[in-house]
């Protein structure tokens, strides 16, 4: 998402604009409607956290998902028209 606003308006919303840039959004500041600068985070976008849903998966449910199919389950998949 790109946010573009003139300098005067950006002065009052600087904290919000910096937060947007930190999240990876494109923030452009203009002078008289003409883009002049872009806000970017120093270290690039904040890295995404991996494993956000790990708490929802138990070892048992993972093992069940990876277990081989029974003959009946294979037959259901193998029924071609």
N, C-alpha and C. Protein backbone atom coordinates (compact mmCIF):
# COMPACT_ATOMS: atom_id res chain seq x y z
N UNK A 1 0.85 -1.17 0.00
CA UNK A 1 0.00 0.00 0.00
C UNK A 1 0.90 1.24 0.00
N UNK A 2 0.57 2.22 -0.82
CA UNK A 2 1.34 3.46 -0.88
C UNK A 2 0.53 4.59 -0.27
N UNK A 3 1.18 5.32 0.64
CA UNK A 3 0.58 6.51 1.23
C UNK A 3 1.39 7.70 0.75
N UNK A 4 0.71 8.68 0.15
CA UNK A 4 1.37 9.91 -0.29
C UNK A 4 0.67 11.08 0.36
N UNK A 5 1.46 11.98 0.97
CA UNK A 5 0.85 13.19 1.55
C UNK A 5 1.85 14.33 1.52
N UNK A 6 1.30 15.53 1.53
CA UNK A 6 2.14 16.73 1.50
C UNK A 6 2.83 16.94 2.85
N UNK A 7 3.92 17.68 2.81
CA UNK A 7 4.76 17.90 3.98
C UNK A 7 3.95 18.44 5.16
N UNK A 8 3.11 19.42 4.93
CA UNK A 8 2.35 20.05 6.02
C UNK A 8 1.51 19.01 6.77
N UNK A 9 0.81 18.16 6.05
CA UNK A 9 0.00 17.13 6.69
C UNK A 9 0.88 16.07 7.36
N UNK A 10 2.01 15.74 6.72
CA UNK A 10 2.91 14.72 7.25
C UNK A 10 3.52 15.13 8.59
N UNK A 11 3.70 16.43 8.81
CA UNK A 11 4.28 16.91 10.07
C UNK A 11 3.43 16.44 11.26
N UNK A 12 2.15 16.52 11.13
CA UNK A 12 1.26 16.14 12.21
C UNK A 12 1.05 14.64 12.34
N UNK A 13 1.43 13.88 11.31
CA UNK A 13 1.20 12.44 11.33
C UNK A 13 2.49 11.64 11.23
N UNK A 14 3.61 12.27 11.58
CA UNK A 14 4.91 11.63 11.40
C UNK A 14 5.01 10.28 12.11
N UNK A 15 4.57 10.20 13.34
CA UNK A 15 4.66 8.93 14.08
C UNK A 15 3.91 7.82 13.35
N UNK A 16 2.72 8.11 12.88
CA UNK A 16 1.93 7.10 12.16
C UNK A 16 2.60 6.72 10.85
N UNK A 17 3.18 7.70 10.15
CA UNK A 17 3.85 7.41 8.89
C UNK A 17 5.10 6.55 9.09
N UNK A 18 5.85 6.83 10.16
CA UNK A 18 7.02 6.03 10.47
C UNK A 18 6.60 4.59 10.77
N UNK A 19 5.53 4.41 11.53
CA UNK A 19 5.03 3.07 11.84
C UNK A 19 4.63 2.33 10.57
N UNK A 20 3.99 3.03 9.63
CA UNK A 20 3.62 2.41 8.36
C UNK A 20 4.87 1.95 7.60
N UNK A 21 5.88 2.81 7.55
CA UNK A 21 7.12 2.47 6.85
C UNK A 21 7.79 1.27 7.51
N UNK A 22 7.76 1.20 8.84
CA UNK A 22 8.36 0.07 9.55
C UNK A 22 7.66 -1.24 9.21
N UNK A 23 6.36 -1.18 8.94
CA UNK A 23 5.60 -2.37 8.57
C UNK A 23 5.85 -2.77 7.12
N UNK A 24 6.57 -1.94 6.38
CA UNK A 24 6.86 -2.26 4.99
C UNK A 24 5.99 -1.54 3.99
N UNK A 25 5.08 -0.68 4.44
CA UNK A 25 4.25 0.09 3.52
C UNK A 25 5.10 1.17 2.86
N UNK A 26 4.72 1.56 1.66
CA UNK A 26 5.41 2.61 0.92
C UNK A 26 4.85 3.96 1.37
N UNK A 27 5.71 4.84 1.90
CA UNK A 27 5.28 6.15 2.38
C UNK A 27 6.06 7.21 1.61
N UNK A 28 5.33 8.08 0.89
CA UNK A 28 5.93 9.13 0.06
C UNK A 28 5.47 10.47 0.58
N UNK A 29 6.40 11.41 0.76
CA UNK A 29 6.06 12.77 1.18
C UNK A 29 6.28 13.68 -0.02
N UNK A 30 5.27 14.53 -0.26
CA UNK A 30 5.28 15.40 -1.43
C UNK A 30 5.34 16.87 -1.02
N UNK A 31 5.80 17.68 -1.95
CA UNK A 31 5.78 19.14 -1.78
C UNK A 31 4.93 19.68 -2.93
N UNK A 32 3.84 20.34 -2.57
CA UNK A 32 2.90 20.88 -3.56
C UNK A 32 2.43 19.79 -4.52
N UNK A 33 2.19 18.59 -3.96
CA UNK A 33 1.67 17.49 -4.76
C UNK A 33 2.71 16.72 -5.55
N UNK A 34 3.97 17.14 -5.51
CA UNK A 34 5.03 16.47 -6.25
C UNK A 34 5.88 15.64 -5.29
N UNK A 35 5.97 14.31 -5.48
CA UNK A 35 6.74 13.47 -4.57
C UNK A 35 8.19 13.92 -4.48
N UNK A 36 8.71 14.02 -3.23
CA UNK A 36 10.09 14.45 -3.06
C UNK A 36 10.92 13.46 -2.23
N UNK A 37 10.32 12.75 -1.27
CA UNK A 37 11.07 11.78 -0.47
C UNK A 37 10.21 10.56 -0.19
N UNK A 38 10.89 9.47 0.16
CA UNK A 38 10.21 8.22 0.54
C UNK A 38 10.75 7.81 1.90
N UNK A 39 9.85 7.45 2.83
CA UNK A 39 10.27 6.94 4.14
C UNK A 39 10.51 5.44 4.02
N UNK A 40 11.67 5.01 4.47
CA UNK A 40 11.98 3.58 4.49
C UNK A 40 12.62 3.23 5.82
N UNK A 41 12.36 2.04 6.34
CA UNK A 41 13.01 1.65 7.59
C UNK A 41 14.50 1.43 7.36
N UNK A 42 15.30 1.71 8.37
CA UNK A 42 16.75 1.59 8.26
C UNK A 42 17.16 0.15 7.97
N UNK A 43 16.58 -0.81 8.65
CA UNK A 43 16.96 -2.21 8.48
C UNK A 43 16.06 -2.96 7.53
N UNK A 44 15.28 -2.30 6.73
CA UNK A 44 14.32 -2.97 5.87
C UNK A 44 13.07 -3.30 6.66
N UNK A 45 12.12 -3.96 6.03
CA UNK A 45 10.88 -4.31 6.73
C UNK A 45 11.16 -5.25 7.90
N UNK A 46 10.34 -5.16 8.93
CA UNK A 46 10.47 -6.03 10.08
C UNK A 46 10.26 -7.48 9.64
N UNK A 47 11.17 -8.38 10.00
CA UNK A 47 11.00 -9.77 9.57
C UNK A 47 9.75 -10.39 10.17
N UNK A 48 9.12 -11.25 9.41
CA UNK A 48 7.92 -11.92 9.89
C UNK A 48 8.30 -13.04 10.85
N UNK A 49 7.48 -13.23 11.85
CA UNK A 49 7.74 -14.27 12.84
C UNK A 49 7.25 -15.61 12.31
N UNK A 50 8.11 -16.58 12.28
CA UNK A 50 7.73 -17.91 11.82
C UNK A 50 7.14 -18.70 12.97
N UNK A 51 6.27 -19.62 12.64
CA UNK A 51 5.70 -20.47 13.67
C UNK A 51 4.57 -19.83 14.44
N UNK A 52 3.85 -18.92 13.81
CA UNK A 52 2.78 -18.22 14.51
C UNK A 52 1.66 -19.16 14.95
N UNK A 53 1.47 -20.28 14.23
CA UNK A 53 0.38 -21.20 14.55
C UNK A 53 0.87 -22.48 15.20
N UNK A 54 2.12 -22.50 15.62
CA UNK A 54 2.69 -23.72 16.18
C UNK A 54 1.91 -24.21 17.40
N UNK A 55 1.35 -23.31 18.18
CA UNK A 55 0.63 -23.71 19.39
C UNK A 55 -0.64 -24.48 19.05
N UNK A 56 -1.16 -24.33 17.83
CA UNK A 56 -2.40 -25.01 17.46
C UNK A 56 -2.16 -26.44 17.00
N UNK A 57 -0.91 -26.82 16.74
CA UNK A 57 -0.61 -28.16 16.25
C UNK A 57 0.06 -28.98 17.35
N UNK A 58 -0.56 -30.08 17.68
CA UNK A 58 0.04 -30.97 18.66
C UNK A 58 0.87 -32.01 17.93
N UNK A 59 1.76 -32.67 18.65
CA UNK A 59 2.56 -33.74 18.03
C UNK A 59 1.66 -34.84 17.49
N UNK A 60 0.57 -35.12 18.19
CA UNK A 60 -0.34 -36.18 17.75
C UNK A 60 -1.01 -35.82 16.43
N UNK A 61 -1.46 -34.55 16.30
CA UNK A 61 -2.14 -34.17 15.07
C UNK A 61 -1.17 -34.14 13.89
N UNK A 62 0.08 -33.77 14.13
CA UNK A 62 1.09 -33.79 13.06
C UNK A 62 1.37 -35.23 12.65
N UNK A 63 1.54 -36.12 13.63
CA UNK A 63 1.80 -37.53 13.33
C UNK A 63 0.64 -38.14 12.56
N UNK A 64 -0.58 -37.80 12.94
CA UNK A 64 -1.76 -38.32 12.25
C UNK A 64 -1.81 -37.82 10.81
N UNK A 65 -1.44 -36.58 10.59
CA UNK A 65 -1.45 -36.01 9.25
C UNK A 65 -0.41 -36.66 8.35
N UNK A 66 0.70 -37.11 8.94
CA UNK A 66 1.78 -37.69 8.15
C UNK A 66 1.69 -39.21 8.03
N UNK A 67 0.74 -39.81 8.73
CA UNK A 67 0.61 -41.27 8.71
C UNK A 67 0.12 -41.74 7.34
N UNK A 68 0.52 -42.96 6.94
CA UNK A 68 0.05 -43.49 5.65
C UNK A 68 -1.47 -43.65 5.66
N UNK A 69 -2.06 -43.59 4.47
CA UNK A 69 -3.50 -43.77 4.34
C UNK A 69 -3.86 -45.24 4.47
N UNK A 70 -5.06 -45.49 5.01
CA UNK A 70 -5.55 -46.87 5.07
C UNK A 70 -5.99 -47.29 3.67
N UNK A 71 -6.23 -48.59 3.49
CA UNK A 71 -6.67 -49.09 2.18
C UNK A 71 -7.99 -48.46 1.76
N UNK A 72 -8.89 -48.24 2.72
CA UNK A 72 -10.18 -47.61 2.42
C UNK A 72 -9.99 -46.17 1.94
N UNK A 73 -9.08 -45.44 2.60
CA UNK A 73 -8.81 -44.05 2.20
C UNK A 73 -8.17 -43.98 0.82
N UNK A 74 -7.27 -44.92 0.55
CA UNK A 74 -6.64 -44.98 -0.77
C UNK A 74 -7.69 -45.26 -1.84
N UNK A 75 -8.61 -46.15 -1.52
CA UNK A 75 -9.67 -46.49 -2.47
C UNK A 75 -10.54 -45.28 -2.79
N UNK A 76 -10.79 -44.42 -1.81
CA UNK A 76 -11.57 -43.22 -2.05
C UNK A 76 -10.85 -42.29 -3.03
N UNK A 77 -9.54 -42.17 -2.88
CA UNK A 77 -8.75 -41.32 -3.77
C UNK A 77 -8.57 -41.96 -5.14
N UNK A 78 -8.61 -43.27 -5.18
CA UNK A 78 -8.30 -44.01 -6.40
C UNK A 78 -9.51 -44.19 -7.30
N UNK A 79 -10.68 -43.78 -6.87
CA UNK A 79 -11.87 -43.96 -7.68
C UNK A 79 -11.91 -42.91 -8.79
N UNK A 80 -11.49 -43.33 -9.98
CA UNK A 80 -11.47 -42.42 -11.13
C UNK A 80 -12.72 -42.63 -11.96
N UNK A 81 -13.28 -41.57 -12.50
CA UNK A 81 -14.52 -41.70 -13.30
C UNK A 81 -14.29 -42.37 -14.63
